[in-house]
């Protein structure tokens, strides 16, 4: 009986996604903060928001929390966050 070897790796797929251009400044920007729902991420994002507002002049902060830490953000949350000038996705533990 011949030995059959299976290759479990997938073919490499080239991504067409590109990074967004860098912001010149956060002054007057709207920044989204995405909370993954794990412990300790809320106090971390509280601090991030304070630094963004006081040290970088961020105009507005949009905070959203994922319903499930293991799943992607809900489509409606992503639609809200894509309207922001920048987004911070935070993971806590």
C-alpha atoms as a PDB file:
ATOM      1  CA  UNK A   1       0.000   0.000   0.000  1.00  0.00           C
ATOM      2  CA  UNK A   2       1.488   3.408  -0.978  1.00  0.00           C
ATOM      3  CA  UNK A   3       2.065   6.121   1.614  1.00  0.00           C
ATOM      4  CA  UNK A   4      -0.014   9.238   0.995  1.00  0.00           C
ATOM      5  CA  UNK A   5       1.265  12.493   2.498  1.00  0.00           C
ATOM      6  CA  UNK A   6      -1.162  15.394   2.798  1.00  0.00           C
ATOM      7  CA  UNK A   7       0.035  18.980   3.002  1.00  0.00           C
ATOM      8  CA  UNK A   8      -2.150  20.841   5.553  1.00  0.00           C
ATOM      9  CA  UNK A   9      -0.884  24.307   4.618  1.00  0.00           C
ATOM     10  CA  UNK A  10      -2.982  26.627   2.527  1.00  0.00           C
ATOM     11  CA  UNK A  11      -1.866  28.545  -0.490  1.00  0.00           C
ATOM     12  CA  UNK A  12      -0.623  32.029   0.196  1.00  0.00           C
ATOM     13  CA  UNK A  13      -3.158  34.687  -0.773  1.00  0.00           C
ATOM     14  CA  UNK A  14      -1.876  38.177  -1.471  1.00  0.00           C
ATOM     15  CA  UNK A  15      -3.727  40.874   0.379  1.00  0.00           C
ATOM     16  CA  UNK A  16      -4.907  43.938  -1.492  1.00  0.00           C
ATOM     17  CA  UNK A  17      -5.407  45.852   1.756  1.00  0.00           C
ATOM     18  CA  UNK A  18      -3.090  48.753   2.451  1.00  0.00           C
ATOM     19  CA  UNK A  19      -2.394  50.766   5.554  1.00  0.00           C
ATOM     20  CA  UNK A  20      -4.178  54.082   5.807  1.00  0.00           C
ATOM     21  CA  UNK A  21      -2.005  57.140   5.384  1.00  0.00           C
ATOM     22  CA  UNK A  22      -0.541  58.453   8.638  1.00  0.00           C
ATOM     23  CA  UNK A  23      -2.306  61.367  10.261  1.00  0.00           C
ATOM     24  CA  UNK A  24      -0.262  64.546  10.476  1.00  0.00           C
ATOM     25  CA  UNK A  25      -1.747  65.247  13.898  1.00  0.00           C
ATOM     26  CA  UNK A  26      -4.454  64.066  16.264  1.00  0.00           C
ATOM     27  CA  UNK A  27      -5.442  67.678  16.978  1.00  0.00           C
ATOM     28  CA  UNK A  28      -9.167  67.977  16.279  1.00  0.00           C
ATOM     29  CA  UNK A  29      -9.459  64.311  15.262  1.00  0.00           C
ATOM     30  CA  UNK A  30     -12.115  61.783  16.191  1.00  0.00           C
ATOM     31  CA  UNK A  31     -10.583  58.594  17.594  1.00  0.00           C
ATOM     32  CA  UNK A  32     -12.424  55.296  18.052  1.00  0.00           C
ATOM     33  CA  UNK A  33     -11.598  53.066  21.015  1.00  0.00           C
ATOM     34  CA  UNK A  34     -12.645  49.436  20.605  1.00  0.00           C
ATOM     35  CA  UNK A  35     -12.805  47.418  23.820  1.00  0.00           C
ATOM     36  CA  UNK A  36     -12.588  43.640  23.371  1.00  0.00           C
ATOM     37  CA  UNK A  37     -14.528  43.004  26.600  1.00  0.00           C
ATOM     38  CA  UNK A  38     -11.751  41.407  28.659  1.00  0.00           C
ATOM     39  CA  UNK A  39     -10.842  42.413  32.195  1.00  0.00           C
ATOM     40  CA  UNK A  40      -8.776  45.570  32.683  1.00  0.00           C
ATOM     41  CA  UNK A  41      -9.269  46.975  29.200  1.00  0.00           C
ATOM     42  CA  UNK A  42     -11.742  49.625  30.396  1.00  0.00           C
ATOM     43  CA  UNK A  43      -9.304  51.356  32.797  1.00  0.00           C
ATOM     44  CA  UNK A  44      -6.605  51.160  30.134  1.00  0.00           C
ATOM     45  CA  UNK A  45      -8.852  52.847  27.564  1.00  0.00           C
ATOM     46  CA  UNK A  46      -9.931  55.416  30.167  1.00  0.00           C
ATOM     47  CA  UNK A  47      -6.259  56.386  30.431  1.00  0.00           C
ATOM     48  CA  UNK A  48      -5.752  56.327  26.654  1.00  0.00           C
ATOM     49  CA  UNK A  49      -8.757  58.628  26.215  1.00  0.00           C
ATOM     50  CA  UNK A  50      -7.421  61.058  28.833  1.00  0.00           C
ATOM     51  CA  UNK A  51      -4.004  61.187  27.127  1.00  0.00           C
ATOM     52  CA  UNK A  52      -5.549  61.618  23.679  1.00  0.00           C
ATOM     53  CA  UNK A  53      -7.714  64.513  24.864  1.00  0.00           C
ATOM     54  CA  UNK A  54      -5.191  66.323  27.081  1.00  0.00           C
ATOM     55  CA  UNK A  55      -1.875  65.745  25.315  1.00  0.00           C
ATOM     56  CA  UNK A  56      -2.976  65.415  21.685  1.00  0.00           C
ATOM     57  CA  UNK A  57      -6.047  67.638  21.379  1.00  0.00           C
ATOM     58  CA  UNK A  58      -8.414  64.925  20.173  1.00  0.00           C
ATOM     59  CA  UNK A  59     -11.846  66.494  19.586  1.00  0.00           C
ATOM     60  CA  UNK A  60     -14.044  63.443  20.070  1.00  0.00           C
ATOM     61  CA  UNK A  61     -13.727  59.835  21.200  1.00  0.00           C
ATOM     62  CA  UNK A  62     -16.098  57.066  20.079  1.00  0.00           C
ATOM     63  CA  UNK A  63     -16.015  54.112  22.492  1.00  0.00           C
ATOM     64  CA  UNK A  64     -17.458  50.731  21.594  1.00  0.00           C
ATOM     65  CA  UNK A  65     -17.289  47.356  23.370  1.00  0.00           C
ATOM     66  CA  UNK A  66     -17.460  44.031  21.552  1.00  0.00           C
ATOM     67  CA  UNK A  67     -20.218  41.680  22.721  1.00  0.00           C
ATOM     68  CA  UNK A  68     -17.913  38.665  22.449  1.00  0.00           C
ATOM     69  CA  UNK A  69     -14.180  38.911  23.104  1.00  0.00           C
ATOM     70  CA  UNK A  70     -13.446  35.989  20.765  1.00  0.00           C
ATOM     71  CA  UNK A  71     -15.440  37.203  17.775  1.00  0.00           C
ATOM     72  CA  UNK A  72     -14.954  40.130  15.416  1.00  0.00           C
ATOM     73  CA  UNK A  73     -16.691  43.409  16.186  1.00  0.00           C
ATOM     74  CA  UNK A  74     -20.286  43.630  15.026  1.00  0.00           C
ATOM     75  CA  UNK A  75     -20.842  45.159  11.571  1.00  0.00           C
ATOM     76  CA  UNK A  76     -22.690  48.170  13.036  1.00  0.00           C
ATOM     77  CA  UNK A  77     -19.741  48.843  15.373  1.00  0.00           C
ATOM     78  CA  UNK A  78     -17.317  48.665  12.467  1.00  0.00           C
ATOM     79  CA  UNK A  79     -19.460  51.102  10.461  1.00  0.00           C
ATOM     80  CA  UNK A  80     -19.282  53.571  13.357  1.00  0.00           C
ATOM     81  CA  UNK A  81     -15.545  53.132  13.813  1.00  0.00           C
ATOM     82  CA  UNK A  82     -14.679  53.430  10.133  1.00  0.00           C
ATOM     83  CA  UNK A  83     -15.992  57.004  10.278  1.00  0.00           C
ATOM     84  CA  UNK A  84     -13.275  57.876  12.841  1.00  0.00           C
ATOM     85  CA  UNK A  85      -9.938  59.412  11.855  1.00  0.00           C
ATOM     86  CA  UNK A  86      -8.089  56.723  13.850  1.00  0.00           C
ATOM     87  CA  UNK A  87      -9.009  53.632  15.890  1.00  0.00           C
ATOM     88  CA  UNK A  88      -7.329  51.925  18.832  1.00  0.00           C
ATOM     89  CA  UNK A  89      -8.339  48.298  19.300  1.00  0.00           C
ATOM     90  CA  UNK A  90      -7.476  47.250  22.842  1.00  0.00           C
ATOM     91  CA  UNK A  91      -7.094  43.809  24.391  1.00  0.00           C
ATOM     92  CA  UNK A  92      -7.211  43.439  28.168  1.00  0.00           C
ATOM     93  CA  UNK A  93      -6.486  40.682  30.664  1.00  0.00           C
END
